[in-house]
Amino acid sequence: MAEVKIETNRDFEKALRGFKLQCKREGIIKRCRERQYYTKPSQKRREKAKNKKR
């Protein structure tokens, strides 16, 4: 889980930037977008096979 502790002398904008970077590294945003809509298992297999050809 992404977590950023803000110290008294640290700028909030820098902390927010660090939090976004951690979320990107952990793939949290990507997983949320994938799970936003239901995708049938057959569709997932087709997409996986399509990406594998590339």
Protein backbone atom coordinates (compact mmCIF):
# COMPACT_ATOMS: atom_id res chain seq x y z
CA MET A 1 0.00 0.00 0.00
CA ALA A 2 1.36 3.40 -0.97
CA GLU A 3 2.10 5.67 1.96
CA VAL A 4 3.84 9.01 2.33
CA LYS A 5 4.59 10.67 5.65
CA ILE A 6 4.71 14.44 5.57
CA GLU A 7 7.31 16.02 7.80
CA THR A 8 6.85 19.53 9.20
CA ASN A 9 9.30 21.11 6.79
CA ARG A 10 8.23 19.12 3.68
CA ASP A 11 6.10 20.69 0.98
CA PHE A 12 2.68 19.10 0.44
CA GLU A 13 3.04 19.23 -3.37
CA LYS A 14 6.25 17.20 -3.20
CA ALA A 15 4.59 14.66 -0.92
CA LEU A 16 1.65 14.35 -3.32
CA ARG A 17 4.04 13.86 -6.24
CA GLY A 18 5.83 11.12 -4.29
CA PHE A 19 2.52 9.42 -3.49
CA LYS A 20 1.49 9.44 -7.15
CA LEU A 21 4.86 7.94 -8.09
CA GLN A 22 4.46 5.15 -5.54
CA CYS A 23 0.96 4.40 -6.84
CA LYS A 24 2.30 4.19 -10.38
CA ARG A 25 5.13 1.84 -9.36
CA GLU A 26 2.74 -0.48 -7.51
CA GLY A 27 0.28 -0.48 -10.40
CA ILE A 28 -2.67 0.68 -8.29
CA ILE A 29 -4.10 3.03 -10.92
CA LYS A 30 -3.75 0.44 -13.68
CA ARG A 31 -5.58 -2.20 -11.62
CA CYS A 32 -8.38 0.22 -10.79
CA ARG A 33 -8.88 1.08 -14.45
CA GLU A 34 -8.88 -2.59 -15.41
CA ARG A 35 -11.49 -3.38 -12.76
CA GLN A 36 -13.66 -0.38 -13.54
CA TYR A 37 -15.71 -2.45 -15.99
CA TYR A 38 -16.30 -6.17 -16.13
CA THR A 39 -14.36 -7.97 -18.84
CA LYS A 40 -15.41 -11.45 -19.81
CA PRO A 41 -12.71 -14.13 -19.45
CA SER A 42 -12.87 -14.90 -23.18
CA GLN A 43 -12.22 -11.22 -23.95
CA LYS A 44 -9.23 -11.22 -21.59
CA ARG A 45 -7.77 -14.26 -23.38
CA ARG A 46 -8.24 -12.60 -26.78
CA GLU A 47 -6.49 -9.42 -25.61
CA LYS A 48 -3.67 -11.42 -24.07
CA ALA A 49 -3.15 -13.40 -27.31
CA LYS A 50 -3.28 -10.18 -29.34
CA ASN A 51 -0.62 -8.52 -27.16
CA LYS A 52 1.55 -11.63 -27.29
CA LYS A 53 1.71 -11.47 -31.12
CA ARG A 54 3.16 -7.97 -31.05
